[in-house]
Amino acid sequence: MSQNTPETYITRYRPIADSLQVVYSVPASIILATACLESGFGTSSAARERNNHFGINNGLTRYATGEASFVSYCELISGSARYASLFNLCVYNYKGWAYGLQRFGYAVDNRYGWKLVVIIEKFIIK
């Protein structure tokens, strides 16, 4: 991949997000949008240098592959009581998930849910 555009980034990671949705019940659209937002579509130094596409800082901030950071994100979301009520939502309810992640404190940005929705609607579910 010579140039990292939003489209090439999403094309590269959509298959892993789709497979992780099946395993963890976290919507693929949310997985992808979070990775896009947190990594600047793969251009952040954390993504480029440490394969960390989600800004996860749990002591293991370096991953062997980008895919490994996707798994770590899904384990974090699915394994935390903080986000448990999100799993009552349909995996296609990306707005509910996006604003739920914001409400339950995934990020401190009070526009985080809106930003995820914009990415999903502009790049993921065109």
N, C-alpha and C. Protein backbone atom coordinates (compact mmCIF):
# COMPACT_ATOMS: atom_id res chain seq x y z
N MET A 1 0.85 -1.17 0.00
CA MET A 1 0.00 0.00 0.00
C MET A 1 0.90 1.24 0.00
N SER A 2 1.01 1.87 -1.13
CA SER A 2 1.94 2.97 -1.25
C SER A 2 1.42 4.25 -0.61
N GLN A 3 0.14 4.48 -0.71
CA GLN A 3 -0.42 5.70 -0.13
C GLN A 3 -1.57 5.32 0.79
N ASN A 4 -1.55 5.89 1.98
CA ASN A 4 -2.58 5.57 2.96
C ASN A 4 -3.70 6.60 2.87
N THR A 5 -4.75 6.26 2.15
CA THR A 5 -5.94 7.10 2.08
C THR A 5 -7.00 6.47 2.98
N PRO A 6 -8.03 7.21 3.32
CA PRO A 6 -9.10 6.58 4.10
C PRO A 6 -9.63 5.31 3.44
N GLU A 7 -9.79 5.34 2.14
CA GLU A 7 -10.33 4.19 1.43
C GLU A 7 -9.40 2.98 1.50
N THR A 8 -8.08 3.19 1.30
CA THR A 8 -7.15 2.07 1.35
C THR A 8 -7.04 1.52 2.77
N TYR A 9 -7.09 2.41 3.75
CA TYR A 9 -7.03 1.97 5.14
C TYR A 9 -8.24 1.09 5.47
N ILE A 10 -9.41 1.55 5.10
CA ILE A 10 -10.63 0.80 5.39
C ILE A 10 -10.64 -0.52 4.62
N THR A 11 -10.23 -0.50 3.38
CA THR A 11 -10.16 -1.74 2.60
C THR A 11 -9.22 -2.74 3.25
N ARG A 12 -8.12 -2.27 3.76
CA ARG A 12 -7.14 -3.16 4.40
C ARG A 12 -7.71 -3.80 5.67
N TYR A 13 -8.39 -3.02 6.50
CA TYR A 13 -8.79 -3.52 7.82
C TYR A 13 -10.25 -3.97 7.91
N ARG A 14 -11.06 -3.74 6.88
CA ARG A 14 -12.46 -4.19 6.92
C ARG A 14 -12.59 -5.69 7.17
N PRO A 15 -11.79 -6.55 6.51
CA PRO A 15 -11.96 -7.99 6.77
C PRO A 15 -11.72 -8.38 8.23
N ILE A 16 -10.73 -7.80 8.87
CA ILE A 16 -10.49 -8.12 10.29
C ILE A 16 -11.63 -7.59 11.15
N ALA A 17 -12.13 -6.40 10.85
CA ALA A 17 -13.25 -5.85 11.61
C ALA A 17 -14.49 -6.73 11.45
N ASP A 18 -14.74 -7.18 10.23
CA ASP A 18 -15.89 -8.06 9.99
C ASP A 18 -15.77 -9.36 10.77
N SER A 19 -14.58 -9.94 10.78
CA SER A 19 -14.41 -11.20 11.51
C SER A 19 -14.48 -10.99 13.02
N LEU A 20 -13.99 -9.87 13.50
CA LEU A 20 -14.06 -9.59 14.93
C LEU A 20 -15.48 -9.31 15.39
N GLN A 21 -16.31 -8.74 14.52
CA GLN A 21 -17.72 -8.55 14.87
C GLN A 21 -18.37 -9.89 15.18
N VAL A 22 -18.05 -10.90 14.41
CA VAL A 22 -18.62 -12.24 14.62
C VAL A 22 -18.14 -12.81 15.96
N VAL A 23 -16.88 -12.63 16.27
CA VAL A 23 -16.30 -13.21 17.48
C VAL A 23 -16.70 -12.45 18.74
N TYR A 24 -16.65 -11.11 18.69
CA TYR A 24 -16.83 -10.29 19.89
C TYR A 24 -18.16 -9.54 19.97
N SER A 25 -18.93 -9.54 18.91
CA SER A 25 -20.21 -8.81 18.83
C SER A 25 -20.06 -7.30 18.95
N VAL A 26 -18.89 -6.80 18.63
CA VAL A 26 -18.67 -5.36 18.52
C VAL A 26 -18.87 -5.03 17.04
N PRO A 27 -19.71 -4.04 16.71
CA PRO A 27 -19.97 -3.75 15.31
C PRO A 27 -18.71 -3.45 14.51
N ALA A 28 -18.61 -4.06 13.34
CA ALA A 28 -17.46 -3.81 12.47
C ALA A 28 -17.34 -2.33 12.15
N SER A 29 -18.47 -1.66 11.96
CA SER A 29 -18.43 -0.22 11.64
C SER A 29 -17.81 0.57 12.78
N ILE A 30 -18.10 0.20 14.01
CA ILE A 30 -17.53 0.88 15.18
C ILE A 30 -16.05 0.57 15.31
N ILE A 31 -15.68 -0.68 15.09
CA ILE A 31 -14.26 -1.06 15.14
C ILE A 31 -13.48 -0.23 14.13
N LEU A 32 -13.96 -0.21 12.89
CA LEU A 32 -13.27 0.54 11.84
C LEU A 32 -13.24 2.04 12.11
N ALA A 33 -14.37 2.60 12.49
CA ALA A 33 -14.43 4.04 12.72
C ALA A 33 -13.52 4.45 13.87
N THR A 34 -13.49 3.66 14.92
CA THR A 34 -12.61 3.98 16.05
C THR A 34 -11.16 3.93 15.61
N ALA A 35 -10.80 2.90 14.85
CA ALA A 35 -9.43 2.81 14.35
C ALA A 35 -9.10 4.00 13.44
N CYS A 36 -10.02 4.36 12.57
CA CYS A 36 -9.81 5.50 11.67
C CYS A 36 -9.58 6.78 12.46
N LEU A 37 -10.44 7.01 13.43
CA LEU A 37 -10.36 8.23 14.23
C LEU A 37 -9.09 8.26 15.07
N GLU A 38 -8.84 7.18 15.79
CA GLU A 38 -7.70 7.15 16.72
C GLU A 38 -6.35 7.15 16.01
N SER A 39 -6.30 6.59 14.80
CA SER A 39 -5.01 6.47 14.11
C SER A 39 -4.86 7.45 12.96
N GLY A 40 -5.86 8.29 12.74
CA GLY A 40 -5.80 9.17 11.57
C GLY A 40 -5.72 8.37 10.29
N PHE A 41 -6.56 7.33 10.20
CA PHE A 41 -6.57 6.42 9.05
C PHE A 41 -5.19 5.78 8.85
N GLY A 42 -4.57 5.42 9.97
CA GLY A 42 -3.29 4.72 9.92
C GLY A 42 -2.07 5.59 9.79
N THR A 43 -2.24 6.91 9.86
CA THR A 43 -1.10 7.81 9.67
C THR A 43 -0.45 8.27 10.97
N SER A 44 -1.05 8.00 12.11
CA SER A 44 -0.47 8.44 13.38
C SER A 44 0.84 7.71 13.65
N SER A 45 1.68 8.32 14.45
CA SER A 45 2.95 7.67 14.79
C SER A 45 2.70 6.38 15.56
N ALA A 46 1.68 6.35 16.41
CA ALA A 46 1.38 5.12 17.15
C ALA A 46 1.02 3.98 16.20
N ALA A 47 0.23 4.28 15.18
CA ALA A 47 -0.14 3.25 14.20
C ALA A 47 1.06 2.84 13.36
N ARG A 48 1.82 3.80 12.89
CA ARG A 48 2.95 3.50 12.00
C ARG A 48 4.11 2.83 12.71
N GLU A 49 4.40 3.26 13.93
CA GLU A 49 5.60 2.79 14.62
C GLU A 49 5.33 1.65 15.60
N ARG A 50 4.10 1.59 16.13
CA ARG A 50 3.81 0.59 17.17
C ARG A 50 2.60 -0.28 16.83
N ASN A 51 2.06 -0.14 15.62
CA ASN A 51 0.87 -0.91 15.23
C ASN A 51 -0.29 -0.70 16.18
N ASN A 52 -0.34 0.43 16.84
CA ASN A 52 -1.40 0.74 17.81
C ASN A 52 -2.39 1.68 17.13
N HIS A 53 -3.49 1.09 16.65
CA HIS A 53 -4.47 1.86 15.88
C HIS A 53 -5.59 2.44 16.74
N PHE A 54 -5.57 2.18 18.04
CA PHE A 54 -6.67 2.60 18.89
C PHE A 54 -6.26 3.49 20.04
N GLY A 55 -5.00 3.85 20.12
CA GLY A 55 -4.55 4.68 21.21
C GLY A 55 -4.66 3.99 22.56
N ILE A 56 -4.66 2.66 22.53
CA ILE A 56 -4.79 1.90 23.77
C ILE A 56 -3.50 2.02 24.55
N ASN A 57 -3.61 2.41 25.80
CA ASN A 57 -2.45 2.57 26.65
C ASN A 57 -2.64 1.72 27.89
N ASN A 58 -2.43 0.43 27.74
CA ASN A 58 -2.61 -0.49 28.86
C ASN A 58 -1.32 -1.19 29.22
N GLY A 59 -0.21 -0.55 28.95
CA GLY A 59 1.08 -1.17 29.20
C GLY A 59 1.61 -1.89 27.97
N LEU A 60 0.72 -2.34 27.09
CA LEU A 60 1.12 -2.98 25.84
C LEU A 60 0.72 -2.04 24.72
N THR A 61 1.55 -1.03 24.51
CA THR A 61 1.22 -0.05 23.50
C THR A 61 1.85 -0.38 22.16
N ARG A 62 2.66 -1.43 22.12
CA ARG A 62 3.25 -1.88 20.85
C ARG A 62 2.67 -3.24 20.53
N TYR A 63 2.21 -3.38 19.30
CA TYR A 63 1.63 -4.64 18.84
C TYR A 63 2.46 -5.19 17.70
N ALA A 64 2.48 -6.51 17.58
CA ALA A 64 3.23 -7.16 16.50
C ALA A 64 2.67 -6.79 15.13
N THR A 65 1.34 -6.64 15.07
CA THR A 65 0.68 -6.28 13.82
C THR A 65 -0.45 -5.32 14.12
N GLY A 66 -0.91 -4.62 13.08
CA GLY A 66 -2.09 -3.77 13.24
C GLY A 66 -3.30 -4.60 13.64
N GLU A 67 -3.42 -5.78 13.06
CA GLU A 67 -4.54 -6.66 13.37
C GLU A 67 -4.59 -6.99 14.86
N ALA A 68 -3.42 -7.16 15.48
CA ALA A 68 -3.37 -7.48 16.91
C ALA A 68 -3.96 -6.34 17.74
N SER A 69 -3.79 -5.10 17.31
CA SER A 69 -4.38 -3.99 18.05
C SER A 69 -5.90 -4.00 17.90
N PHE A 70 -6.41 -4.46 16.76
CA PHE A 70 -7.85 -4.58 16.56
C PHE A 70 -8.43 -5.60 17.53
N VAL A 71 -7.75 -6.72 17.70
CA VAL A 71 -8.19 -7.75 18.64
C VAL A 71 -8.17 -7.19 20.06
N SER A 72 -7.11 -6.48 20.41
CA SER A 72 -6.99 -5.90 21.75
C SER A 72 -8.13 -4.93 22.04
N TYR A 73 -8.49 -4.11 21.05
CA TYR A 73 -9.62 -3.19 21.21
C TYR A 73 -10.91 -3.95 21.50
N CYS A 74 -11.16 -4.97 20.72
CA CYS A 74 -12.40 -5.75 20.91
C CYS A 74 -12.41 -6.45 22.27
N GLU A 75 -11.28 -6.95 22.70
CA GLU A 75 -11.18 -7.57 24.03
C GLU A 75 -11.45 -6.53 25.12
N LEU A 76 -10.94 -5.33 24.93
CA LEU A 76 -11.16 -4.26 25.90
C LEU A 76 -12.65 -3.92 26.00
N ILE A 77 -13.30 -3.72 24.86
CA ILE A 77 -14.71 -3.33 24.86
C ILE A 77 -15.59 -4.46 25.37
N SER A 78 -15.35 -5.67 24.89
CA SER A 78 -16.23 -6.79 25.27
C SER A 78 -15.96 -7.28 26.69
N GLY A 79 -14.78 -7.01 27.21
CA GLY A 79 -14.43 -7.51 28.53
C GLY A 79 -14.66 -6.53 29.67
N SER A 80 -15.19 -5.36 29.37
CA SER A 80 -15.36 -4.33 30.38
C SER A 80 -16.82 -4.17 30.77
N ALA A 81 -17.09 -4.21 32.03
CA ALA A 81 -18.47 -4.00 32.52
C ALA A 81 -18.97 -2.61 32.14
N ARG A 82 -18.07 -1.67 31.97
CA ARG A 82 -18.42 -0.30 31.60
C ARG A 82 -19.25 -0.26 30.32
N TYR A 83 -18.93 -1.14 29.38
CA TYR A 83 -19.58 -1.13 28.07
C TYR A 83 -20.62 -2.23 27.90
N ALA A 84 -20.91 -2.97 28.95
CA ALA A 84 -21.77 -4.15 28.85
C ALA A 84 -23.14 -3.85 28.25
N SER A 85 -23.73 -2.72 28.59
CA SER A 85 -25.07 -2.44 28.09
C SER A 85 -25.09 -2.20 26.58
N LEU A 86 -23.96 -1.87 25.99
CA LEU A 86 -23.91 -1.67 24.54
C LEU A 86 -24.24 -2.97 23.79
N PHE A 87 -23.96 -4.08 24.43
CA PHE A 87 -24.18 -5.37 23.78
C PHE A 87 -25.66 -5.74 23.72
N ASN A 88 -26.52 -4.90 24.32
CA ASN A 88 -27.97 -5.05 24.16
C ASN A 88 -28.44 -4.43 22.84
N LEU A 89 -27.58 -3.63 22.22
CA LEU A 89 -27.91 -2.98 20.96
C LEU A 89 -27.59 -3.91 19.79
N CYS A 90 -28.31 -3.75 18.73
CA CYS A 90 -28.04 -4.47 17.48
C CYS A 90 -26.68 -4.02 16.94
N VAL A 91 -25.95 -4.93 16.31
CA VAL A 91 -24.65 -4.55 15.75
C VAL A 91 -24.77 -3.54 14.62
N TYR A 92 -25.97 -3.36 14.07
CA TYR A 92 -26.18 -2.38 13.00
C TYR A 92 -26.58 -1.01 13.54
N ASN A 93 -26.74 -0.89 14.85
CA ASN A 93 -27.09 0.38 15.47
C ASN A 93 -25.80 1.15 15.79
N TYR A 94 -25.12 1.59 14.74
CA TYR A 94 -23.83 2.24 14.93
C TYR A 94 -23.95 3.55 15.69
N LYS A 95 -25.07 4.26 15.55
CA LYS A 95 -25.23 5.51 16.29
C LYS A 95 -25.34 5.24 17.78
N GLY A 96 -26.12 4.24 18.15
CA GLY A 96 -26.24 3.87 19.56
C GLY A 96 -24.90 3.48 20.15
N TRP A 97 -24.15 2.69 19.40
CA TRP A 97 -22.81 2.28 19.85
C TRP A 97 -21.87 3.48 19.96
N ALA A 98 -21.88 4.33 18.95
CA ALA A 98 -20.96 5.48 18.93
C ALA A 98 -21.21 6.40 20.12
N TYR A 99 -22.48 6.77 20.31
CA TYR A 99 -22.79 7.68 21.42
C TYR A 99 -22.67 6.96 22.76
N GLY A 100 -22.88 5.66 22.77
CA GLY A 100 -22.69 4.89 24.00
C GLY A 100 -21.23 4.85 24.42
N LEU A 101 -20.33 4.65 23.47
CA LEU A 101 -18.90 4.69 23.80
C LEU A 101 -18.52 6.03 24.40
N GLN A 102 -19.06 7.09 23.83
CA GLN A 102 -18.80 8.43 24.37
C GLN A 102 -19.37 8.55 25.78
N ARG A 103 -20.62 8.16 25.95
CA ARG A 103 -21.30 8.29 27.24
C ARG A 103 -20.60 7.48 28.33
N PHE A 104 -20.08 6.31 27.97
CA PHE A 104 -19.46 5.46 28.97
C PHE A 104 -17.97 5.71 29.12
N GLY A 105 -17.47 6.78 28.50
CA GLY A 105 -16.13 7.26 28.78
C GLY A 105 -14.99 6.64 28.00
N TYR A 106 -15.27 6.11 26.80
CA TYR A 106 -14.14 5.58 26.02
C TYR A 106 -13.15 6.69 25.70
N ALA A 107 -13.64 7.90 25.45
CA ALA A 107 -12.77 9.05 25.17
C ALA A 107 -13.32 10.26 25.91
N VAL A 108 -12.48 11.22 26.14
CA VAL A 108 -12.92 12.42 26.86
C VAL A 108 -13.51 13.48 25.94
N ASP A 109 -13.35 13.31 24.65
CA ASP A 109 -13.88 14.25 23.66
C ASP A 109 -15.41 14.19 23.68
N ASN A 110 -16.05 15.32 23.97
CA ASN A 110 -17.51 15.31 24.06
C ASN A 110 -18.19 15.28 22.69
N ARG A 111 -17.40 15.21 21.62
CA ARG A 111 -17.94 15.04 20.27
C ARG A 111 -17.51 13.70 19.67
N TYR A 112 -17.03 12.82 20.52
CA TYR A 112 -16.47 11.55 20.05
C TYR A 112 -17.51 10.72 19.29
N GLY A 113 -18.69 10.57 19.84
CA GLY A 113 -19.74 9.79 19.18
C GLY A 113 -20.08 10.36 17.82
N TRP A 114 -20.22 11.67 17.75
CA TRP A 114 -20.52 12.34 16.49
C TRP A 114 -19.41 12.09 15.48
N LYS A 115 -18.16 12.17 15.90
CA LYS A 115 -17.04 11.93 14.99
C LYS A 115 -17.07 10.51 14.44
N LEU A 116 -17.39 9.53 15.28
CA LEU A 116 -17.49 8.16 14.80
C LEU A 116 -18.60 8.03 13.76
N VAL A 117 -19.74 8.63 14.04
CA VAL A 117 -20.88 8.57 13.11
C VAL A 117 -20.50 9.20 11.77
N VAL A 118 -19.82 10.32 11.78
CA VAL A 118 -19.41 10.99 10.54
C VAL A 118 -18.50 10.07 9.73
N ILE A 119 -17.53 9.45 10.37
CA ILE A 119 -16.62 8.54 9.67
C ILE A 119 -17.39 7.37 9.07
N ILE A 120 -18.29 6.79 9.86
CA ILE A 120 -19.08 5.65 9.38
C ILE A 120 -19.90 6.05 8.16
N GLU A 121 -20.58 7.16 8.26
CA GLU A 121 -21.47 7.57 7.16
C GLU A 121 -20.71 8.07 5.94
N LYS A 122 -19.54 8.61 6.12
CA LYS A 122 -18.78 9.14 4.99
C LYS A 122 -17.93 8.07 4.30
N PHE A 123 -17.36 7.14 5.07
CA PHE A 123 -16.39 6.22 4.51
C PHE A 123 -16.78 4.74 4.57
N ILE A 124 -17.60 4.36 5.53
CA ILE A 124 -17.80 2.93 5.78
C ILE A 124 -19.08 2.40 5.19
N ILE A 125 -20.19 3.14 5.31
CA ILE A 125 -21.47 2.64 4.80
C ILE A 125 -21.97 3.47 3.62
N LYS A 126 -21.07 3.93 2.81
CA LYS A 126 -21.40 4.79 1.66
C LYS A 126 -22.53 4.21 0.84
